[in-house]
Structures are given as C-alpha cells and as structure tokens.
PDB file of N, CA and C in Angstrom:
ATOM      1  N   MET A   1      26.591   7.444  -4.603  1.00  0.00           N
ATOM      2  CA  MET A   1      26.203   7.767  -3.817  1.00  0.00           C
ATOM      3  C   MET A   1      25.023   7.174  -2.448  1.00  0.00           C
ATOM      4  N   PRO A   2      26.084   6.665  -0.815  1.00  0.00           N
ATOM      5  CA  PRO A   2      24.787   5.863  -0.171  1.00  0.00           C
ATOM      6  C   PRO A   2      23.342   6.315  -0.396  1.00  0.00           C
ATOM      7  N   GLU A   3      22.240   5.348   0.567  1.00  0.00           N
ATOM      8  CA  GLU A   3      21.030   6.860   0.631  1.00  0.00           C
ATOM      9  C   GLU A   3      21.697   6.819   2.443  1.00  0.00           C
ATOM     10  N   ILE A   4      21.507   7.330   3.141  1.00  0.00           N
ATOM     11  CA  ILE A   4      21.656   8.441   4.479  1.00  0.00           C
ATOM     12  C   ILE A   4      20.548   8.074   4.831  1.00  0.00           C
ATOM     13  N   CYS A   5      20.238   8.296   6.745  1.00  0.00           N
ATOM     14  CA  CYS A   5      19.406   8.526   7.756  1.00  0.00           C
ATOM     15  C   CYS A   5      18.760   9.402   7.280  1.00  0.00           C
ATOM     16  N   SER A   6      16.870   8.751   7.634  1.00  0.00           N
ATOM     17  CA  SER A   6      16.051  10.470   7.614  1.00  0.00           C
ATOM     18  C   SER A   6      16.247  11.180   8.890  1.00  0.00           C
ATOM     19  N   ALA A   7      16.887  10.133   9.868  1.00  0.00           N
ATOM     20  CA  ALA A   7      17.079  11.484  11.055  1.00  0.00           C
ATOM     21  C   ALA A   7      16.818  12.625  10.788  1.00  0.00           C
ATOM     22  N   LYS A   8      17.270  13.973  11.182  1.00  0.00           N
ATOM     23  CA  LYS A   8      17.229  15.086  10.709  1.00  0.00           C
ATOM     24  C   LYS A   8      18.767  15.300  11.265  1.00  0.00           C
ATOM     25  N   ASP A   9      19.652  16.030  10.334  1.00  0.00           N
ATOM     26  CA  ASP A   9      21.188  16.599   9.667  1.00  0.00           C
ATOM     27  C   ASP A   9      21.597  14.973  10.143  1.00  0.00           C
ATOM     28  N   CYS A  10      21.131  13.739  10.170  1.00  0.00           N
ATOM     29  CA  CYS A  10      22.555  12.607  10.011  1.00  0.00           C
ATOM     30  C   CYS A  10      22.532  12.873   8.614  1.00  0.00           C
ATOM     31  N   ARG A  11      24.220  12.030   8.182  1.00  0.00           N
ATOM     32  CA  ARG A  11      24.461  12.173   6.847  1.00  0.00           C
ATOM     33  C   ARG A  11      25.377  11.141   6.904  1.00  0.00           C
ATOM     34  N   THR A  12      25.149  10.181   7.824  1.00  0.00           N
ATOM     35  CA  THR A  12      25.450   8.815   8.485  1.00  0.00           C
ATOM     36  C   THR A  12      24.533   7.285   6.868  1.00  0.00           C
ATOM     37  N   ALA A  13      25.660   6.352   6.174  1.00  0.00           N
ATOM     38  CA  ALA A  13      24.417   5.302   5.840  1.00  0.00           C
ATOM     39  C   ALA A  13      23.385   5.197   6.513  1.00  0.00           C
ATOM     40  N   ALA A  14      22.450   4.730   5.066  1.00  0.00           N
ATOM     41  CA  ALA A  14      22.113   4.607   5.387  1.00  0.00           C
ATOM     42  C   ALA A  14      21.598   2.415   6.485  1.00  0.00           C
ATOM     43  N   THR A  15      21.152   1.501   7.061  1.00  0.00           N
ATOM     44  CA  THR A  15      21.954   0.554   7.758  1.00  0.00           C
ATOM     45  C   THR A  15      20.624  -0.162   7.072  1.00  0.00           C
ATOM     46  N   TRP A  16      19.677   0.654   7.636  1.00  0.00           N
ATOM     47  CA  TRP A  16      18.130   0.402   8.219  1.00  0.00           C
ATOM     48  C   TRP A  16      16.358   0.947   6.995  1.00  0.00           C
ATOM     49  N   ALA A  17      15.688   0.189   7.161  1.00  0.00           N
ATOM     50  CA  ALA A  17      14.570   0.655   6.379  1.00  0.00           C
ATOM     51  C   ALA A  17      13.216   0.623   6.914  1.00  0.00           C
ATOM     52  N   LEU A  18      13.061   1.292   7.587  1.00  0.00           N
ATOM     53  CA  LEU A  18      11.264   0.889   8.791  1.00  0.00           C
ATOM     54  C   LEU A  18      10.575   1.124   7.351  1.00  0.00           C
ATOM     55  N   LEU A  19      10.081   0.199   7.923  1.00  0.00           N
ATOM     56  CA  LEU A  19       8.712   0.326   7.062  1.00  0.00           C
ATOM     57  C   LEU A  19       6.974   0.020   7.867  1.00  0.00           C
ATOM     58  N   TRP A  20       6.605   2.236   7.181  1.00  0.00           N
ATOM     59  CA  TRP A  20       5.566   2.216   8.011  1.00  0.00           C
ATOM     60  C   TRP A  20       4.159   2.377   7.466  1.00  0.00           C
ATOM     61  N   ASN A  21       2.944   2.973   7.953  1.00  0.00           N
ATOM     62  CA  ASN A  21       2.304   3.047   6.940  1.00  0.00           C
ATOM     63  C   ASN A  21       0.401   4.227   8.387  1.00  0.00           C
ATOM     64  N   ASN A  22      -0.110   5.420   8.152  1.00  0.00           N
ATOM     65  CA  ASN A  22      -0.172   6.010   8.412  1.00  0.00           C
ATOM     66  C   ASN A  22      -1.469   5.323   7.870  1.00  0.00           C
ATOM     67  N   PRO A  23      -2.526   4.352   9.802  1.00  0.00           N
ATOM     68  CA  PRO A  23      -3.668   4.015   8.786  1.00  0.00           C
ATOM     69  C   PRO A  23      -4.919   4.743   9.036  1.00  0.00           C
ATOM     70  N   LYS A  24      -4.948   6.153   9.186  1.00  0.00           N
ATOM     71  CA  LYS A  24      -6.425   7.426   8.355  1.00  0.00           C
ATOM     72  C   LYS A  24      -5.982   7.515   7.322  1.00  0.00           C
ATOM     73  N   ILE A  25      -4.878   7.366   6.598  1.00  0.00           N
ATOM     74  CA  ILE A  25      -4.499   7.827   5.205  1.00  0.00           C
ATOM     75  C   ILE A  25      -4.614   7.515   4.292  1.00  0.00           C
ATOM     76  N   HIS A  26      -4.239   6.292   4.484  1.00  0.00           N
ATOM     77  CA  HIS A  26      -3.239   4.826   3.275  1.00  0.00           C
ATOM     78  C   HIS A  26      -3.107   4.066   3.842  1.00  0.00           C
ATOM     79  N   THR A  27      -4.082   2.778   2.470  1.00  0.00           N
ATOM     80  CA  THR A  27      -4.853   1.801   2.753  1.00  0.00           C
ATOM     81  C   THR A  27      -3.385   0.241   3.121  1.00  0.00           C
ATOM     82  N   PRO A  28      -4.089  -0.619   4.094  1.00  0.00           N
ATOM     83  CA  PRO A  28      -3.638  -1.608   4.923  1.00  0.00           C
ATOM     84  C   PRO A  28      -2.128  -2.531   4.389  1.00  0.00           C
ATOM     85  N   ASP A  29      -2.049  -1.817   2.763  1.00  0.00           N
ATOM     86  CA  ASP A  29      -1.572  -2.679   1.762  1.00  0.00           C
ATOM     87  C   ASP A  29       0.221  -2.090   2.071  1.00  0.00           C
ATOM     88  N   ARG A  30      -0.329  -1.062   1.487  1.00  0.00           N
ATOM     89  CA  ARG A  30       1.110   0.405   1.970  1.00  0.00           C
ATOM     90  C   ARG A  30       1.478   0.825   3.024  1.00  0.00           C
ATOM     91  N   ARG A  31       3.390   0.811   2.172  1.00  0.00           N
ATOM     92  CA  ARG A  31       4.461   0.580   2.831  1.00  0.00           C
ATOM     93  C   ARG A  31       5.123   1.714   2.464  1.00  0.00           C
ATOM     94  N   LYS A  32       5.635   3.161   2.827  1.00  0.00           N
ATOM     95  CA  LYS A  32       6.144   3.934   3.490  1.00  0.00           C
ATOM     96  C   LYS A  32       7.547   3.206   3.908  1.00  0.00           C
ATOM     97  N   THR A  33       8.859   4.442   4.235  1.00  0.00           N
ATOM     98  CA  THR A  33       9.417   4.516   4.054  1.00  0.00           C
ATOM     99  C   THR A  33      10.670   4.950   4.467  1.00  0.00           C
ATOM    100  N   TRP A  34      11.298   5.242   5.899  1.00  0.00           N
ATOM    101  CA  TRP A  34      12.203   5.962   6.480  1.00  0.00           C
ATOM    102  C   TRP A  34      13.680   5.489   6.701  1.00  0.00           C
ATOM    103  N   LEU A  35      15.041   5.863   6.114  1.00  0.00           N
ATOM    104  CA  LEU A  35      15.560   5.321   6.538  1.00  0.00           C
ATOM    105  C   LEU A  35      16.519   5.657   7.588  1.00  0.00           C
ATOM    106  N   ALA A  36      17.006   4.260   8.233  1.00  0.00           N
ATOM    107  CA  ALA A  36      18.394   4.484   9.393  1.00  0.00           C
ATOM    108  C   ALA A  36      19.356   3.948  10.013  1.00  0.00           C
ATOM    109  N   CYS A  37      19.940   4.844  10.241  1.00  0.00           N
ATOM    110  CA  CYS A  37      21.816   4.347  10.927  1.00  0.00           C
ATOM    111  C   CYS A  37      21.342   3.731  11.859  1.00  0.00           C
ATOM    112  N   ASP A  38      22.266   2.277  12.945  1.00  0.00           N
ATOM    113  CA  ASP A  38      22.297   1.511  13.677  1.00  0.00           C
ATOM    114  C   ASP A  38      21.949   3.151  14.727  1.00  0.00           C
ATOM    115  N   GLU A  39      22.478   3.893  14.633  1.00  0.00           N
ATOM    116  CA  GLU A  39      22.424   4.984  16.443  1.00  0.00           C
ATOM    117  C   GLU A  39      21.293   5.321  15.376  1.00  0.00           C
ATOM    118  N   HIS A  40      20.139   5.758  14.804  1.00  0.00           N
ATOM    119  CA  HIS A  40      19.045   6.511  14.738  1.00  0.00           C
ATOM    120  C   HIS A  40      17.850   5.706  15.256  1.00  0.00           C
ATOM    121  N   LYS A  41      18.056   3.995  15.181  1.00  0.00           N
ATOM    122  CA  LYS A  41      17.066   2.842  14.383  1.00  0.00           C
ATOM    123  C   LYS A  41      16.103   3.005  15.349  1.00  0.00           C
ATOM    124  N   ALA A  42      16.153   2.805  16.713  1.00  0.00           N
ATOM    125  CA  ALA A  42      15.653   2.794  17.903  1.00  0.00           C
ATOM    126  C   ALA A  42      14.579   4.069  17.844  1.00  0.00           C
ATOM    127  N   SER A  43      15.147   5.680  18.150  1.00  0.00           N
ATOM    128  CA  SER A  43      14.144   6.775  18.255  1.00  0.00           C
ATOM    129  C   SER A  43      13.861   6.955  17.152  1.00  0.00           C
ATOM    130  N   LEU A  44      13.972   6.850  15.961  1.00  0.00           N
ATOM    131  CA  LEU A  44      12.722   6.106  14.896  1.00  0.00           C
ATOM    132  C   LEU A  44      12.297   5.393  15.266  1.00  0.00           C
ATOM    133  N   SER A  45      12.213   4.920  15.099  1.00  0.00           N
ATOM    134  CA  SER A  45      11.604   2.690  15.005  1.00  0.00           C
ATOM    135  C   SER A  45      10.163   3.452  16.332  1.00  0.00           C
ATOM    136  N   ASP A  46      11.282   4.109  17.808  1.00  0.00           N
ATOM    137  CA  ASP A  46      10.036   3.867  18.494  1.00  0.00           C
ATOM    138  C   ASP A  46       9.508   5.509  18.442  1.00  0.00           C
ATOM    139  N   PHE A  47       9.581   6.750  17.505  1.00  0.00           N
ATOM    140  CA  PHE A  47       9.191   7.300  16.951  1.00  0.00           C
ATOM    141  C   PHE A  47       7.547   7.560  16.342  1.00  0.00           C
ATOM    142  N   LEU A  48       7.854   6.334  15.627  1.00  0.00           N
ATOM    143  CA  LEU A  48       6.549   5.807  14.653  1.00  0.00           C
ATOM    144  C   LEU A  48       5.603   4.384  15.040  1.00  0.00           C
ATOM    145  N   ASP A  49       6.124   3.423  16.236  1.00  0.00           N
ATOM    146  CA  ASP A  49       5.712   2.771  16.643  1.00  0.00           C
ATOM    147  C   ASP A  49       4.512   3.538  18.085  1.00  0.00           C
ATOM    148  N   ARG A  50       5.202   4.547  19.220  1.00  0.00           N
ATOM    149  CA  ARG A  50       4.602   5.564  19.778  1.00  0.00           C
ATOM    150  C   ARG A  50       2.716   6.278  18.257  1.00  0.00           C
ATOM    151  N   ARG A  51       3.452   6.230  17.361  1.00  0.00           N
ATOM    152  CA  ARG A  51       1.413   6.785  17.008  1.00  0.00           C
ATOM    153  C   ARG A  51       1.214   5.799  15.910  1.00  0.00           C
ATOM    154  N   GLY A  52       1.104   4.444  16.161  1.00  0.00           N
ATOM    155  CA  GLY A  52       0.861   3.116  15.966  1.00  0.00           C
ATOM    156  C   GLY A  52       1.454   3.008  14.489  1.00  0.00           C
ATOM    157  N   PHE A  53       2.730   3.296  13.802  1.00  0.00           N
ATOM    158  CA  PHE A  53       2.299   3.723  12.306  1.00  0.00           C
ATOM    159  C   PHE A  53       3.268   2.479  12.174  1.00  0.00           C
ATOM    160  N   LEU A  54       4.543   1.797  13.073  1.00  0.00           N
ATOM    161  CA  LEU A  54       5.570   1.203  12.145  1.00  0.00           C
ATOM    162  C   LEU A  54       4.620  -0.361  12.191  1.00  0.00           C
ATOM    163  N   ARG A  55       5.205  -0.953  10.702  1.00  0.00           N
ATOM    164  CA  ARG A  55       5.149  -1.973  10.155  1.00  0.00           C
ATOM    165  C   ARG A  55       5.503  -2.950  10.560  1.00  0.00           C
ATOM    166  N   ASP A  56       7.260  -2.902  10.079  1.00  0.00           N
ATOM    167  CA  ASP A  56       8.487  -3.252  10.250  1.00  0.00           C
ATOM    168  C   ASP A  56       9.907  -3.089  10.332  1.00  0.00           C
ATOM    169  N   VAL A  57      10.757  -3.504  10.521  1.00  0.00           N
ATOM    170  CA  VAL A  57      11.766  -3.214  10.776  1.00  0.00           C
ATOM    171  C   VAL A  57      12.163  -3.971   9.404  1.00  0.00           C
ATOM    172  N   GLU A  58      13.489  -3.764   8.811  1.00  0.00           N
ATOM    173  CA  GLU A  58      14.196  -5.166   8.020  1.00  0.00           C
ATOM    174  C   GLU A  58      15.701  -3.717   7.721  1.00  0.00           C
ATOM    175  N   PRO A  59      16.896  -4.912   7.595  1.00  0.00           N
ATOM    176  CA  PRO A  59      17.898  -4.759   7.205  1.00  0.00           C
ATOM    177  C   PRO A  59      17.557  -3.434   6.306  1.00  0.00           C
ATOM    178  N   PHE A  60      18.440  -2.495   5.297  1.00  0.00           N
ATOM    179  CA  PHE A  60      19.063  -2.188   4.796  1.00  0.00           C
ATOM    180  C   PHE A  60      20.584  -2.382   3.439  1.00  0.00           C
ATOM    181  N   THR A  61      19.993  -2.409   2.725  1.00  0.00           N
ATOM    182  CA  THR A  61      21.104  -3.040   1.917  1.00  0.00           C
ATOM    183  C   THR A  61      21.174  -0.992   0.473  1.00  0.00           C
ATOM    184  N   ASN A  62      21.669  -0.441  -0.146  1.00  0.00           N
ATOM    185  CA  ASN A  62      21.441  -0.432  -1.270  1.00  0.00           C
ATOM    186  C   ASN A  62      21.940  -1.128  -2.880  1.00  0.00           C
ATOM    187  N   SER A  63      21.028  -1.418  -2.845  1.00  0.00           N
ATOM    188  CA  SER A  63      21.191  -1.502  -4.087  1.00  0.00           C
ATOM    189  C   SER A  63      20.912  -2.273  -6.126  1.00  0.00           C
TER     190      SER A  63
END
C-alpha cells in the first residue's frame, strides 16, 4: 500500500517528503516528516514555512 499525502482528506500517493521541526520543542537535528502529493506540496510547505518549521523538501520514494 502506498504512503498517502498528509493533507486533510487527501488519499493520493505521496511524492514529496516535507522535513520539519519545531525549534521550541525539538532539538535542531530532529526532523519530523509530512508527506505530500504534487497537488498539496505547496500548501503544506507554505503552512510549515510560515511557522518557521520547514527545513527541507525532498522527493519521496516508498521503498
């Protein structure tokens, strides 16, 4: 079964990994991951970036 996008109610296979952390509660090297489809990559990235949480965006492969 493919990993799915983290956007609410989306059931599309993920193609992007959004790596983030909250500097108030995570150590600088800690990375949490949200998965995104092509349609939701920008909106999820923007959400994290506006809060200062987004660290990196990488292609996601389910291997």
